[in-house]
Amino acid sequence: MRAKDKVRLDVLRGIISEVNNAAKTPKPIETDLSLLDLLRKRASNLEASGKEYAAADRQDLLAKAEEERKVVEEYAAQVETVSEDAIRAAVESAIAELKAASEKLAIGSVMKKVLAAGGALDGKPASKTAVAKIAGEMVKALEQK
């Protein structure tokens, strides 16, 4: 890198190393969503390291970990995912289909319908946790009626 941004260079080298190591496992990084998971995990590890450095009163290492975490979060923010509104619309349509088929409304059945092959979010970078959260909220709201 011509800018001599050592922190960014170190972060990129670390990410490339983790992706290469993951390629040798049964679950390689193949999608944007799996890359996003890797970046989030790295950011949380850096945050935990920062807390340990703060407890040990190592301000130099704390500052370095904080800078690296900011760079990782910057890259994580650039990964495109499905918006919450699109997830909500897909979940609503899945619930309507399940009601029409008079099947039991449960979070699992809604998620299966939405994320399955040919489903509304099939192949799209949607977080399963976000889908589960929205499906849970909507199923609970329908059960309370």
C-alpha atoms as a PDB file:
ATOM      1  CA  MET A   1       0.000   0.000   0.000  1.00  0.00           C
ATOM      2  CA  ARG A   2       1.432   3.292  -1.052  1.00  0.00           C
ATOM      3  CA  ALA A   3      -0.172   5.241   1.783  1.00  0.00           C
ATOM      4  CA  LYS A   4       1.934   3.280   4.302  1.00  0.00           C
ATOM      5  CA  ASP A   5      -1.161   2.718   6.436  1.00  0.00           C
ATOM      6  CA  LYS A   6       0.367   0.014   8.618  1.00  0.00           C
ATOM      7  CA  VAL A   7      -2.781  -0.681  10.650  1.00  0.00           C
ATOM      8  CA  ARG A   8      -4.925  -1.235   7.548  1.00  0.00           C
ATOM      9  CA  LEU A   9      -2.196  -3.374   5.979  1.00  0.00           C
ATOM     10  CA  ASP A  10      -1.937  -5.542   9.112  1.00  0.00           C
ATOM     11  CA  VAL A  11      -5.719  -5.975   9.209  1.00  0.00           C
ATOM     12  CA  LEU A  12      -5.887  -6.923   5.524  1.00  0.00           C
ATOM     13  CA  ARG A  13      -3.070  -9.426   5.919  1.00  0.00           C
ATOM     14  CA  GLY A  14      -4.857 -10.951   8.902  1.00  0.00           C
ATOM     15  CA  ILE A  15      -8.162 -11.206   7.034  1.00  0.00           C
ATOM     16  CA  ILE A  16      -6.481 -12.775   4.003  1.00  0.00           C
ATOM     17  CA  SER A  17      -4.751 -15.248   6.296  1.00  0.00           C
ATOM     18  CA  GLU A  18      -8.036 -16.193   7.983  1.00  0.00           C
ATOM     19  CA  VAL A  19      -9.781 -16.643   4.620  1.00  0.00           C
ATOM     20  CA  ASN A  20      -6.929 -18.834   3.361  1.00  0.00           C
ATOM     21  CA  ASN A  21      -6.998 -20.905   6.551  1.00  0.00           C
ATOM     22  CA  ALA A  22     -10.775 -21.275   6.282  1.00  0.00           C
ATOM     23  CA  ALA A  23     -10.353 -22.530   2.706  1.00  0.00           C
ATOM     24  CA  LYS A  24      -8.606 -25.598   4.115  1.00  0.00           C
ATOM     25  CA  THR A  25     -11.545 -26.461   6.390  1.00  0.00           C
ATOM     26  CA  PRO A  26     -14.870 -28.122   5.551  1.00  0.00           C
ATOM     27  CA  LYS A  27     -16.553 -24.682   5.642  1.00  0.00           C
ATOM     28  CA  PRO A  28     -14.591 -22.296   3.388  1.00  0.00           C
ATOM     29  CA  ILE A  29     -15.522 -18.620   2.996  1.00  0.00           C
ATOM     30  CA  GLU A  30     -17.644 -18.684  -0.163  1.00  0.00           C
ATOM     31  CA  THR A  31     -20.304 -16.030   0.343  1.00  0.00           C
ATOM     32  CA  ASP A  32     -20.444 -12.427   1.429  1.00  0.00           C
ATOM     33  CA  LEU A  33     -22.414 -13.496   4.479  1.00  0.00           C
ATOM     34  CA  SER A  34     -19.701 -15.904   5.629  1.00  0.00           C
ATOM     35  CA  LEU A  35     -17.114 -13.154   5.072  1.00  0.00           C
ATOM     36  CA  LEU A  36     -19.270 -10.802   7.138  1.00  0.00           C
ATOM     37  CA  ASP A  37     -19.416 -13.402   9.924  1.00  0.00           C
ATOM     38  CA  LEU A  38     -15.619 -13.662   9.824  1.00  0.00           C
ATOM     39  CA  LEU A  39     -15.249  -9.859  10.022  1.00  0.00           C
ATOM     40  CA  ARG A  40     -17.721  -9.599  12.909  1.00  0.00           C
ATOM     41  CA  LYS A  41     -15.930 -12.382  14.771  1.00  0.00           C
ATOM     42  CA  ARG A  42     -12.590 -10.644  14.252  1.00  0.00           C
ATOM     43  CA  ALA A  43     -14.059  -7.336  15.481  1.00  0.00           C
ATOM     44  CA  SER A  44     -15.459  -8.969  18.612  1.00  0.00           C
ATOM     45  CA  ASN A  45     -12.110 -10.679  19.269  1.00  0.00           C
ATOM     46  CA  LEU A  46     -10.357  -7.315  18.963  1.00  0.00           C
ATOM     47  CA  GLU A  47     -12.900  -5.763  21.329  1.00  0.00           C
ATOM     48  CA  ALA A  48     -12.299  -8.527  23.886  1.00  0.00           C
ATOM     49  CA  SER A  49      -8.550  -8.054  23.500  1.00  0.00           C
ATOM     50  CA  GLY A  50      -9.005  -4.331  24.077  1.00  0.00           C
ATOM     51  CA  LYS A  51     -10.824  -5.009  27.344  1.00  0.00           C
ATOM     52  CA  GLU A  52      -8.012  -7.293  28.471  1.00  0.00           C
ATOM     53  CA  TYR A  53      -5.416  -4.679  27.547  1.00  0.00           C
ATOM     54  CA  ALA A  54      -7.353  -2.038  29.473  1.00  0.00           C
ATOM     55  CA  ALA A  55      -7.500  -4.310  32.521  1.00  0.00           C
ATOM     56  CA  ALA A  56      -3.745  -4.875  32.252  1.00  0.00           C
ATOM     57  CA  ASP A  57      -3.181  -1.110  31.817  1.00  0.00           C
ATOM     58  CA  ARG A  58      -1.495  -1.565  28.422  1.00  0.00           C
ATOM     59  CA  GLN A  59      -2.552   1.629  26.670  1.00  0.00           C
ATOM     60  CA  ASP A  60      -0.273   1.040  23.679  1.00  0.00           C
ATOM     61  CA  LEU A  61      -1.841  -2.323  22.860  1.00  0.00           C
ATOM     62  CA  LEU A  62      -5.315  -0.982  23.647  1.00  0.00           C
ATOM     63  CA  ALA A  63      -4.893   1.817  21.092  1.00  0.00           C
ATOM     64  CA  LYS A  64      -3.630  -0.632  18.449  1.00  0.00           C
ATOM     65  CA  ALA A  65      -6.522  -3.052  19.027  1.00  0.00           C
ATOM     66  CA  GLU A  66      -9.029  -0.190  18.860  1.00  0.00           C
ATOM     67  CA  GLU A  67      -7.588   1.072  15.555  1.00  0.00           C
ATOM     68  CA  GLU A  68      -7.674  -2.436  14.082  1.00  0.00           C
ATOM     69  CA  ARG A  69     -11.268  -2.933  15.269  1.00  0.00           C
ATOM     70  CA  LYS A  70     -12.330   0.304  13.547  1.00  0.00           C
ATOM     71  CA  VAL A  71     -10.754  -0.839  10.270  1.00  0.00           C
ATOM     72  CA  VAL A  72     -12.420  -4.268  10.496  1.00  0.00           C
ATOM     73  CA  GLU A  73     -15.805  -2.671  11.228  1.00  0.00           C
ATOM     74  CA  GLU A  74     -15.286  -0.328   8.278  1.00  0.00           C
ATOM     75  CA  TYR A  75     -14.830  -3.331   5.993  1.00  0.00           C
ATOM     76  CA  ALA A  76     -17.783  -5.144   7.589  1.00  0.00           C
ATOM     77  CA  ALA A  77     -20.005  -2.141   6.895  1.00  0.00           C
ATOM     78  CA  GLN A  78     -19.187  -2.417   3.182  1.00  0.00           C
ATOM     79  CA  VAL A  79     -20.608  -5.940   2.889  1.00  0.00           C
ATOM     80  CA  GLU A  80     -24.105  -5.669   1.448  1.00  0.00           C
ATOM     81  CA  THR A  81     -26.873  -7.607   3.153  1.00  0.00           C
ATOM     82  CA  VAL A  82     -30.614  -7.803   2.676  1.00  0.00           C
ATOM     83  CA  SER A  83     -32.404  -4.914   4.367  1.00  0.00           C
ATOM     84  CA  GLU A  84     -34.679  -5.465   7.340  1.00  0.00           C
ATOM     85  CA  ASP A  85     -37.663  -4.264   5.295  1.00  0.00           C
ATOM     86  CA  ALA A  86     -37.010  -6.891   2.612  1.00  0.00           C
ATOM     87  CA  ILE A  87     -36.699  -9.589   5.277  1.00  0.00           C
ATOM     88  CA  ARG A  88     -39.936  -8.409   6.894  1.00  0.00           C
ATOM     89  CA  ALA A  89     -41.741  -8.522   3.519  1.00  0.00           C
ATOM     90  CA  ALA A  90     -40.432 -12.038   2.808  1.00  0.00           C
ATOM     91  CA  VAL A  91     -41.505 -13.239   6.264  1.00  0.00           C
ATOM     92  CA  GLU A  92     -44.971 -11.691   5.819  1.00  0.00           C
ATOM     93  CA  SER A  93     -45.452 -13.470   2.494  1.00  0.00           C
ATOM     94  CA  ALA A  94     -44.249 -16.770   3.992  1.00  0.00           C
ATOM     95  CA  ILE A  95     -46.694 -16.408   6.896  1.00  0.00           C
ATOM     96  CA  ALA A  96     -49.514 -15.686   4.444  1.00  0.00           C
ATOM     97  CA  GLU A  97     -48.614 -18.809   2.436  1.00  0.00           C
ATOM     98  CA  LEU A  98     -48.480 -20.942   5.581  1.00  0.00           C
ATOM     99  CA  LYS A  99     -51.863 -19.595   6.712  1.00  0.00           C
ATOM    100  CA  ALA A 100     -53.345 -20.326   3.281  1.00  0.00           C
ATOM    101  CA  ALA A 101     -52.072 -23.896   3.489  1.00  0.00           C
ATOM    102  CA  SER A 102     -53.418 -23.987   7.075  1.00  0.00           C
ATOM    103  CA  GLU A 103     -50.058 -25.131   8.398  1.00  0.00           C
ATOM    104  CA  LYS A 104     -48.887 -24.471  11.936  1.00  0.00           C
ATOM    105  CA  LEU A 105     -47.219 -21.099  12.373  1.00  0.00           C
ATOM    106  CA  ALA A 106     -43.857 -21.545  14.059  1.00  0.00           C
ATOM    107  CA  ILE A 107     -40.578 -19.719  13.728  1.00  0.00           C
ATOM    108  CA  GLY A 108     -38.916 -22.784  12.245  1.00  0.00           C
ATOM    109  CA  SER A 109     -41.534 -23.343   9.570  1.00  0.00           C
ATOM    110  CA  VAL A 110     -41.448 -19.662   8.578  1.00  0.00           C
ATOM    111  CA  MET A 111     -37.642 -19.674   8.390  1.00  0.00           C
ATOM    112  CA  LYS A 112     -37.666 -22.877   6.348  1.00  0.00           C
ATOM    113  CA  LYS A 113     -40.133 -21.333   3.898  1.00  0.00           C
ATOM    114  CA  VAL A 114     -38.141 -18.091   3.574  1.00  0.00           C
ATOM    115  CA  LEU A 115     -34.611 -19.515   3.395  1.00  0.00           C
ATOM    116  CA  ALA A 116     -35.280 -22.784   1.531  1.00  0.00           C
ATOM    117  CA  ALA A 117     -34.303 -23.318  -2.090  1.00  0.00           C
ATOM    118  CA  GLY A 118     -36.719 -21.263  -4.146  1.00  0.00           C
ATOM    119  CA  GLY A 119     -37.698 -19.229  -1.081  1.00  0.00           C
ATOM    120  CA  ALA A 120     -37.879 -15.456  -1.005  1.00  0.00           C
ATOM    121  CA  LEU A 121     -34.349 -15.053   0.378  1.00  0.00           C
ATOM    122  CA  ASP A 122     -32.717 -18.057  -1.296  1.00  0.00           C
ATOM    123  CA  GLY A 123     -29.153 -17.180  -2.272  1.00  0.00           C
ATOM    124  CA  LYS A 124     -29.370 -13.651  -0.933  1.00  0.00           C
ATOM    125  CA  PRO A 125     -27.038 -12.384   1.804  1.00  0.00           C
ATOM    126  CA  ALA A 126     -29.567 -12.425   4.645  1.00  0.00           C
ATOM    127  CA  SER A 127     -28.526 -13.100   8.215  1.00  0.00           C
ATOM    128  CA  LYS A 128     -30.338 -16.099   9.689  1.00  0.00           C
ATOM    129  CA  THR A 129     -30.413 -14.404  13.072  1.00  0.00           C
ATOM    130  CA  ALA A 130     -32.165 -11.371  11.599  1.00  0.00           C
ATOM    131  CA  VAL A 131     -34.691 -13.609   9.841  1.00  0.00           C
ATOM    132  CA  ALA A 132     -35.286 -15.577  13.056  1.00  0.00           C
ATOM    133  CA  LYS A 133     -35.746 -12.396  15.084  1.00  0.00           C
ATOM    134  CA  ILE A 134     -38.260 -10.894  12.661  1.00  0.00           C
ATOM    135  CA  ALA A 135     -40.090 -14.211  12.211  1.00  0.00           C
ATOM    136  CA  GLY A 136     -40.294 -14.615  15.990  1.00  0.00           C
ATOM    137  CA  GLU A 137     -41.722 -11.136  16.452  1.00  0.00           C
ATOM    138  CA  MET A 138     -44.327 -11.624  13.744  1.00  0.00           C
ATOM    139  CA  VAL A 139     -45.381 -15.114  14.882  1.00  0.00           C
ATOM    140  CA  LYS A 140     -45.747 -13.893  18.490  1.00  0.00           C
ATOM    141  CA  ALA A 141     -47.801 -10.925  17.315  1.00  0.00           C
ATOM    142  CA  LEU A 142     -50.137 -13.251  15.413  1.00  0.00           C
ATOM    143  CA  GLU A 143     -50.452 -15.647  18.363  1.00  0.00           C
ATOM    144  CA  GLN A 144     -51.466 -12.812  20.692  1.00  0.00           C
ATOM    145  CA  LYS A 145     -54.333 -11.754  18.429  1.00  0.00           C
END
